[in-house]
Amino acid sequence: MTMLIPDAEHDDLDLGERPLIVCDIDEVVLEFVTPFEAYLDHNGHELRPTSFRLHGNIFSRADGSETPGETVSAMLEAFFQAQDEWQTPVTEAADSLARLSAQADIVFLTAMPPRHREQRRTLLSRHGFDYPMIATESPKGPAVQTLHGARAQPVVFIDDIFVNLQSVRKHVPETLLVNLMANETFRTLAPHPGEGVEIARDWPHAEALITAHFDKAAG
């Protein structure tokens, strides 16, 4: 399959004539906030979540001072370099995706910098997430549009971030949009994902929404 997604690195893709599920990774199939908190603690910092962001909410354990933005960015980069030592699967994600894969093609679409793709690919496969992955920092709406094209089959997009969900809504308006976030603290701090988005409590709930969408499309 020819890819037109700018600045993307990806596995081989062979989409069939089946429904398509495009799925984010961090906070959707792999825990991110909780292991990153552990990583911060290991490195003498702590996350004090008072808003839906990391920058401005991380502090030094030594003196309580706010950690500078450039230091937070450097720690995020280091965390992604060592992600296979910290990140673990979201509860029931593997089982739900395995059942859904019986009726749909599944593609992971992660906003993680493409330079970390190999570590992430290894980590996903270790936990049984053997679905093709695309790593790109480009907007997700055009990426899903490129993947889905003019196909008549149903398409689903799962993500934890408002901007990504609304980007897909703009470019592929027929998509079933599902908001899913594993970390309960950040879920309560997150802005509403916007009009036209289903909010899933967990993976069993997301799976039920997706299955109902496929059943409705099948008539």
Protein backbone atom coordinates (compact mmCIF):
# COMPACT_ATOMS: atom_id res chain seq x y z
CA MET A 1 0.00 0.00 0.00
CA THR A 2 1.41 3.41 -0.96
CA MET A 3 1.62 5.77 2.01
CA LEU A 4 1.09 9.52 1.53
CA ILE A 5 1.39 10.46 5.19
CA PRO A 6 4.19 13.05 5.54
CA ASP A 7 7.18 12.21 7.71
CA ALA A 8 5.75 8.85 8.74
CA GLU A 9 7.51 5.58 9.47
CA HIS A 10 5.34 2.50 9.30
CA ASP A 11 5.07 -1.25 9.11
CA ASP A 12 3.84 -2.97 5.96
CA LEU A 13 0.13 -2.33 5.50
CA ASP A 14 -2.27 -4.61 3.68
CA LEU A 15 -5.84 -3.46 4.36
CA GLY A 16 -8.58 -5.78 3.20
CA GLU A 17 -12.23 -5.20 2.34
CA ARG A 18 -13.16 -5.05 6.00
CA PRO A 19 -13.97 -2.33 8.52
CA LEU A 20 -10.95 -0.33 9.70
CA ILE A 21 -10.02 0.55 13.29
CA VAL A 22 -7.31 3.20 13.66
CA CYS A 23 -6.09 3.25 17.23
CA ASP A 24 -3.82 5.57 19.21
CA ILE A 25 -1.28 3.97 21.55
CA ASP A 26 -0.33 6.09 24.60
CA GLU A 27 -3.11 6.01 27.22
CA VAL A 28 -5.17 3.83 24.87
CA VAL A 29 -3.34 0.50 24.53
CA LEU A 30 -0.20 1.31 26.55
CA GLU A 31 -0.22 3.05 29.91
CA PHE A 32 1.60 6.36 29.66
CA VAL A 33 0.83 8.70 32.57
CA THR A 34 1.25 6.12 35.34
CA PRO A 35 4.61 4.74 34.13
CA PHE A 36 5.83 8.27 33.36
CA GLU A 37 5.03 9.21 36.97
CA ALA A 38 7.18 6.26 38.09
CA TYR A 39 9.94 7.38 35.72
CA LEU A 40 9.82 10.91 37.14
CA ASP A 41 10.01 9.62 40.69
CA HIS A 42 13.00 7.47 39.75
CA ASN A 43 14.71 10.62 38.48
CA GLY A 44 13.91 12.90 41.42
CA HIS A 45 10.77 14.60 40.11
CA GLU A 46 7.04 14.31 40.64
CA LEU A 47 3.87 15.01 38.69
CA ARG A 48 1.27 17.19 40.44
CA PRO A 49 -1.63 17.10 37.97
CA THR A 50 -3.74 20.23 38.31
CA SER A 51 -4.45 20.62 34.58
CA PHE A 52 -4.47 18.46 31.46
CA ARG A 53 -0.81 18.91 30.62
CA LEU A 54 2.65 17.78 31.72
CA HIS A 55 4.61 21.02 31.30
CA GLY A 56 3.96 23.19 34.34
CA ASN A 57 2.84 20.26 36.47
CA ILE A 58 6.20 18.59 37.14
CA PHE A 59 8.32 19.55 40.15
CA SER A 60 11.67 18.72 41.70
CA ARG A 61 11.49 16.47 44.75
CA ALA A 62 14.68 18.03 46.07
CA ASP A 63 13.44 21.60 46.53
CA GLY A 64 9.83 21.63 45.27
CA SER A 65 10.62 23.97 42.38
CA GLU A 66 8.80 23.70 39.07
CA THR A 67 10.81 21.71 36.55
CA PRO A 68 11.74 23.89 33.55
CA GLY A 69 9.98 23.12 30.29
CA GLU A 70 13.15 22.15 28.47
CA THR A 71 13.94 19.64 31.23
CA VAL A 72 10.46 18.14 30.97
CA SER A 73 10.90 17.79 27.21
CA ALA A 74 14.28 16.12 27.73
CA MET A 75 12.77 13.67 30.24
CA LEU A 76 9.96 12.82 27.81
CA GLU A 77 12.55 12.10 25.13
CA ALA A 78 14.52 9.89 27.52
CA PHE A 79 11.33 8.13 28.63
CA PHE A 80 10.44 7.23 25.04
CA GLN A 81 13.98 5.97 24.50
CA ALA A 82 13.46 3.62 27.45
CA GLN A 83 9.72 3.01 26.99
CA ASP A 84 10.14 -0.76 26.86
CA GLU A 85 11.37 -0.66 30.48
CA TRP A 86 8.38 1.31 31.77
CA GLN A 87 5.20 1.08 29.74
CA THR A 88 2.66 -1.71 30.23
CA PRO A 89 -0.63 -2.60 28.47
CA VAL A 90 -3.90 -0.94 29.35
CA THR A 91 -6.26 -3.37 31.08
CA GLU A 92 -8.22 -5.55 28.62
CA ALA A 93 -6.88 -3.72 25.55
CA ALA A 94 -5.26 -6.84 24.09
CA ASP A 95 -8.34 -9.04 24.57
CA SER A 96 -10.73 -6.46 23.11
CA LEU A 97 -8.54 -5.82 20.07
CA ALA A 98 -8.08 -9.53 19.49
CA ARG A 99 -11.85 -10.01 19.35
CA LEU A 100 -12.34 -6.96 17.14
CA SER A 101 -9.61 -8.14 14.76
CA ALA A 102 -11.88 -11.03 13.77
CA GLN A 103 -14.07 -8.55 11.91
CA ALA A 104 -11.86 -5.50 11.25
CA ASP A 105 -8.37 -4.46 10.19
CA ILE A 106 -6.52 -2.67 13.00
CA VAL A 107 -3.80 -0.07 12.53
CA PHE A 108 -1.97 1.78 15.31
CA LEU A 109 -1.40 5.49 14.69
CA THR A 110 0.92 7.08 17.23
CA ALA A 111 2.06 10.69 17.49
CA MET A 112 5.33 9.55 19.05
CA PRO A 113 8.42 10.80 17.16
CA PRO A 114 9.21 8.28 14.37
CA ARG A 115 12.79 7.92 15.65
CA HIS A 116 11.40 5.81 18.52
CA ARG A 117 9.41 3.50 16.26
CA GLU A 118 11.62 0.43 16.67
CA GLN A 119 11.46 0.49 20.48
CA ARG A 120 7.71 0.88 20.33
CA ARG A 121 7.27 -1.86 17.74
CA THR A 122 9.23 -4.27 19.94
CA LEU A 123 7.24 -3.28 23.02
CA LEU A 124 3.88 -3.72 21.29
CA SER A 125 4.81 -7.13 19.91
CA ARG A 126 6.04 -8.25 23.33
CA HIS A 127 2.51 -7.76 24.67
CA GLY A 128 0.71 -9.35 21.74
CA PHE A 129 -0.21 -6.16 19.88
CA ASP A 130 0.91 -7.47 16.49
CA TYR A 131 -0.99 -4.93 14.41
CA PRO A 132 0.74 -2.62 11.94
CA MET A 133 1.88 0.72 13.33
CA ILE A 134 2.39 4.17 11.87
CA ALA A 135 4.50 6.73 13.75
CA THR A 136 4.06 10.34 12.65
CA GLU A 137 3.86 13.77 14.23
CA SER A 138 1.63 14.98 11.39
CA PRO A 139 -2.10 15.65 12.07
CA LYS A 140 -4.15 12.50 12.48
CA GLY A 141 -7.15 13.56 10.41
CA PRO A 142 -5.28 13.56 7.08
CA ALA A 143 -3.52 10.33 8.11
CA VAL A 144 -6.82 8.51 8.68
CA GLN A 145 -8.17 9.98 5.44
CA THR A 146 -5.18 8.55 3.58
CA LEU A 147 -5.62 5.14 5.19
CA HIS A 148 -9.37 4.90 4.65
CA GLY A 149 -9.51 6.55 1.23
CA ALA A 150 -12.83 6.14 -0.55
CA ARG A 151 -13.58 2.73 0.94
CA ALA A 152 -17.22 1.96 1.74
CA GLN A 153 -16.42 -0.02 4.88
CA PRO A 154 -16.97 1.46 8.37
CA VAL A 155 -14.04 3.25 10.00
CA VAL A 156 -13.34 3.78 13.71
CA PHE A 157 -10.81 6.08 15.37
CA ILE A 158 -9.80 5.70 19.05
CA ASP A 159 -7.75 8.38 20.80
CA ASP A 160 -7.43 10.20 24.12
CA ILE A 161 -6.82 13.72 22.79
CA PHE A 162 -9.49 16.25 21.75
CA VAL A 163 -7.41 17.73 18.91
CA ASN A 164 -6.81 14.34 17.29
CA LEU A 165 -10.44 13.27 17.50
CA GLN A 166 -11.67 16.53 16.01
CA SER A 167 -9.02 16.39 13.29
CA VAL A 168 -10.37 13.01 12.18
CA ARG A 169 -13.96 14.29 12.48
CA LYS A 170 -13.08 17.11 10.07
CA HIS A 171 -11.32 14.96 7.47
CA VAL A 172 -13.31 11.71 7.71
CA PRO A 173 -16.71 12.76 9.09
CA GLU A 174 -18.28 9.30 8.78
CA THR A 175 -15.82 7.91 11.36
CA LEU A 176 -17.00 6.51 14.68
CA LEU A 177 -14.89 8.54 17.11
CA VAL A 178 -14.12 6.97 20.48
CA ASN A 179 -12.42 8.84 23.32
CA LEU A 180 -10.54 6.51 25.66
CA MET A 181 -8.00 7.39 28.36
CA ALA A 182 -6.59 4.89 30.86
CA ASN A 183 -5.39 7.24 33.61
CA GLU A 184 -8.35 8.21 35.79
CA THR A 185 -6.79 11.41 37.14
CA PHE A 186 -6.03 12.86 33.72
CA ARG A 187 -9.37 11.62 32.41
CA THR A 188 -11.15 13.87 34.93
CA LEU A 189 -8.92 16.82 33.95
CA ALA A 190 -9.35 16.36 30.20
CA PRO A 191 -11.55 18.75 28.23
CA HIS A 192 -14.70 17.30 26.72
CA PRO A 193 -13.65 15.57 23.47
CA GLY A 194 -16.21 17.53 21.50
CA GLU A 195 -19.33 16.98 19.47
CA GLY A 196 -19.73 13.66 17.73
CA VAL A 197 -17.37 11.71 20.01
CA GLU A 198 -18.32 8.67 22.08
CA ILE A 199 -16.65 8.58 25.51
CA ALA A 200 -15.62 5.07 26.55
CA ARG A 201 -15.15 4.20 30.21
CA ASP A 202 -12.76 1.35 29.43
CA TRP A 203 -11.95 -1.17 26.73
CA PRO A 204 -15.04 -3.38 27.21
CA HIS A 205 -17.18 -0.26 26.77
CA ALA A 206 -15.20 0.80 23.69
CA GLU A 207 -15.52 -2.69 22.24
CA ALA A 208 -19.30 -2.62 22.72
CA LEU A 209 -19.55 0.77 20.98
CA ILE A 210 -17.48 -0.44 18.04
CA THR A 211 -19.33 -3.73 17.68
CA ALA A 212 -22.68 -1.91 17.69
CA HIS A 213 -21.35 0.45 15.00
CA PHE A 214 -20.31 -2.47 12.81
CA ASP A 215 -23.63 -4.23 13.34
CA LYS A 216 -25.55 -1.09 12.36
CA ALA A 217 -23.45 -0.67 9.22
CA ALA A 218 -24.07 -4.29 8.27
CA GLY A 219 -27.82 -3.62 8.39
